[in-house]
Protein backbone atom coordinates (compact mmCIF):
# COMPACT_ATOMS: atom_id res chain seq x y z
CA UNK A 1 42.04 127.07 50.91
CA UNK A 2 45.28 129.00 50.88
CA UNK A 3 47.11 131.22 53.36
CA UNK A 4 46.34 134.88 53.96
CA UNK A 5 49.67 136.67 54.48
CA UNK A 6 50.87 140.19 53.83
CA UNK A 7 54.25 140.34 52.09
CA UNK A 8 56.85 142.99 52.86
CA UNK A 9 59.85 143.18 50.50
CA UNK A 10 63.29 144.05 51.92
CA UNK A 11 66.47 145.46 50.40
CA UNK A 12 69.93 144.39 51.47
CA UNK A 13 70.65 141.33 53.62
CA UNK A 14 68.01 138.67 54.20
CA UNK A 15 64.87 139.71 56.07
CA UNK A 16 65.84 137.97 59.33
CA UNK A 17 68.89 140.24 59.64
CA UNK A 18 66.44 143.15 59.52
CA UNK A 19 63.95 141.84 62.08
CA UNK A 20 64.48 144.64 64.59
CA UNK A 21 63.34 147.16 62.00
CA UNK A 22 59.89 145.56 62.33
CA UNK A 23 59.84 144.39 65.98
CA UNK A 24 61.36 145.92 69.09
CA UNK A 25 64.18 143.77 70.47
CA UNK A 26 62.69 144.33 73.95
CA UNK A 27 59.37 142.87 72.79
CA UNK A 28 61.26 139.85 71.46
CA UNK A 29 63.11 139.32 74.77
CA UNK A 30 59.97 139.78 76.92
CA UNK A 31 57.94 137.44 74.71
CA UNK A 32 60.70 134.82 74.65
CA UNK A 33 60.85 134.73 78.46
CA UNK A 34 57.04 134.52 78.77
CA UNK A 35 56.81 131.80 76.11
CA UNK A 36 59.53 129.73 77.76
CA UNK A 37 57.70 129.95 81.10
CA UNK A 38 54.45 128.87 79.44
CA UNK A 39 56.13 126.02 77.54
CA UNK A 40 57.19 124.33 80.78
CA UNK A 41 54.19 125.31 82.90
CA UNK A 42 52.01 122.29 83.77
CA UNK A 43 49.09 124.46 85.02
CA UNK A 44 46.69 125.11 82.14
CA UNK A 45 44.89 128.17 83.61
CA UNK A 46 48.26 129.83 84.32
CA UNK A 47 49.49 129.03 80.80
CA UNK A 48 46.37 130.60 79.29
CA UNK A 49 46.77 133.66 81.55
CA UNK A 50 50.34 134.15 80.26
CA UNK A 51 49.18 133.81 76.65
CA UNK A 52 46.26 136.22 77.11
CA UNK A 53 47.69 138.87 79.43
CA UNK A 54 51.43 138.90 78.76
CA UNK A 55 51.49 137.97 75.07
CA UNK A 56 48.17 139.40 73.82
CA UNK A 57 46.90 136.18 72.27
CA UNK A 58 43.17 135.52 72.02
CA UNK A 59 42.67 132.22 73.84
CA UNK A 60 39.21 130.70 74.29
CA UNK A 61 37.77 129.08 77.40
CA UNK A 62 39.22 125.67 78.22
CA UNK A 63 41.80 125.83 75.43
CA UNK A 64 44.61 123.44 76.36
CA UNK A 65 48.25 123.80 75.33
CA UNK A 66 50.47 120.74 75.74
CA UNK A 67 53.96 121.02 77.16
CA UNK A 68 56.59 122.62 74.92
CA UNK A 69 54.15 124.37 72.56
CA UNK A 70 56.06 127.20 70.85
CA UNK A 71 53.98 130.20 69.82
CA UNK A 72 55.27 133.00 67.63
CA UNK A 73 57.86 135.04 69.55
CA UNK A 74 57.49 138.27 67.59
CA UNK A 75 53.77 138.39 66.77
CA UNK A 76 51.84 136.24 69.30
CA UNK A 77 49.02 138.80 69.23
CA UNK A 78 48.22 137.51 65.72
CA UNK A 79 47.19 134.09 67.11
CA UNK A 80 43.61 133.21 68.07
CA UNK A 81 42.60 129.88 69.62
CA UNK A 82 38.91 128.98 70.06
CA UNK A 83 37.13 127.40 73.01
CA UNK A 84 37.93 123.83 74.07
CA UNK A 85 40.72 123.31 71.53
CA UNK A 86 43.80 121.18 72.25
CA UNK A 87 47.23 122.15 70.95
CA UNK A 88 49.46 119.06 71.13
CA UNK A 89 52.91 118.67 72.63
CA UNK A 90 55.77 120.56 70.95
CA UNK A 91 53.56 122.20 68.32
CA UNK A 92 54.86 125.42 66.72
CA UNK A 93 52.45 128.20 65.75
CA UNK A 94 54.00 130.90 63.54
CA UNK A 95 52.47 134.25 62.59
CA UNK A 96 55.56 135.39 60.66
CA UNK A 97 58.07 134.16 58.09
CA UNK A 98 61.37 135.90 57.46
CA UNK A 99 62.75 134.90 54.06
CA UNK A 100 65.58 136.14 51.83
CA UNK A 101 63.93 139.03 49.97
CA UNK A 102 60.78 139.51 52.07
CA UNK A 103 59.02 138.80 55.30
CA UNK A 104 55.39 137.76 55.64
CA UNK A 105 52.88 138.29 58.42
CA UNK A 106 49.54 136.56 58.83
CA UNK A 107 46.85 135.91 61.41
CA UNK A 108 46.53 132.33 62.65
CA UNK A 109 42.91 131.51 63.49
CA UNK A 110 42.25 128.18 65.18
CA UNK A 111 38.57 127.47 65.77
CA UNK A 112 36.77 125.84 68.67
CA UNK A 113 36.94 122.11 69.45
CA UNK A 114 40.03 121.71 67.25
CA UNK A 115 42.54 118.95 67.99
CA UNK A 116 46.11 119.55 66.86
CA UNK A 117 48.41 116.55 67.22
CA UNK A 118 51.90 116.68 68.70
CA UNK A 119 54.85 118.08 66.76
CA UNK A 120 52.71 119.99 64.28
CA UNK A 121 53.90 123.20 62.62
CA UNK A 122 51.28 125.83 61.75
CA UNK A 123 52.40 128.49 59.29
CA UNK A 124 51.20 132.11 59.22
CA UNK A 125 47.96 133.11 57.56
CA UNK A 126 46.03 129.88 58.05
CA UNK A 127 42.56 129.35 59.45
CA UNK A 128 41.67 126.00 61.01
CA UNK A 129 37.91 125.59 61.16
CA UNK A 130 35.84 124.45 64.14
CA UNK A 131 36.04 120.75 64.92
CA UNK A 132 39.01 120.08 62.63
CA UNK A 133 41.59 117.43 63.56
CA UNK A 134 45.25 117.82 62.55
CA UNK A 135 47.31 114.61 62.69
CA UNK A 136 50.55 114.60 64.68
CA UNK A 137 53.66 115.71 62.81
CA UNK A 138 51.80 117.73 60.19
CA UNK A 139 52.81 120.98 58.50
CA UNK A 140 49.73 123.19 58.17
CA UNK A 141 50.63 125.29 55.12
CA UNK A 142 47.07 126.03 54.02
CA UNK A 143 43.74 126.66 55.70
CA UNK A 144 41.70 123.70 56.94
CA UNK A 145 37.89 123.59 56.68
CA UNK A 146 35.67 122.97 59.70
CA UNK A 147 35.29 119.29 60.55
CA UNK A 148 38.16 118.12 58.34
CA UNK A 149 40.70 115.49 59.41
CA UNK A 150 44.03 116.36 57.80
CA UNK A 151 47.66 115.41 58.18
CA UNK A 152 51.07 115.04 56.64
CA UNK A 153 53.59 117.10 54.78
CA UNK A 154 52.32 118.19 52.37
CA UNK A 155 49.03 118.53 54.22
CA UNK A 156 46.18 116.50 52.76
CA UNK A 157 42.72 115.48 53.81
CA UNK A 158 42.73 112.08 55.50
CA UNK A 159 39.01 111.77 56.19
CA UNK A 160 36.04 114.13 56.24
CA UNK A 161 34.00 114.20 59.44
CA UNK A 162 30.29 113.73 59.04
CA UNK A 163 27.37 114.45 61.35
CA UNK A 164 27.78 111.10 63.17
CA UNK A 165 30.34 110.77 65.90
CA UNK A 166 32.76 107.84 65.99
CA UNK A 167 30.74 106.38 68.87
CA UNK A 168 27.49 106.63 66.91
CA UNK A 169 29.11 105.01 63.89
CA UNK A 170 30.48 102.17 66.04
CA UNK A 171 27.21 101.48 67.84
CA UNK A 172 25.21 101.50 64.64
CA UNK A 173 27.53 98.87 63.09
CA UNK A 174 27.30 96.47 66.03
CA UNK A 175 24.17 94.32 66.14
CA UNK A 176 22.06 94.84 69.27
CA UNK A 177 22.68 91.22 70.37
CA UNK A 178 26.45 91.91 70.65
CA UNK A 179 26.16 95.06 72.79
């Protein structure tokens, strides 16, 4: 599964020098202040309120953002997080890339019951399916199917989840006399 981004070529200096042709500088300042408040906020309902109402993100019920999570400053409205998902400490979620000759924009769709480990970077245009687990320190440069356990840089599948839970697998491997 690849990324779904829209590419916009630029003429002249690199695309980052031209950012305020695509985004209002006032939007950038407002979003930066709101994101910094949310990054340090230890109150999950307040964090989610900031993301939903001040930044325009779609955040599901009981989604939990760890401290220092950095969401996209310029396009946070392109980020969707499903119900009951956990975004680990210091994770970065980007919905844009400004390169030399172009910039790219893409929706980031994170499903429900997803676990994203600390210090992960999620690039624009990826979808992370329901129930997926992303190992800490990963770079998510491509979409992740539902139920997958992935990690690393480059991202690779570490183990595929099956219909049994870890607890079911453990209890079925322990003889009844040892329980």
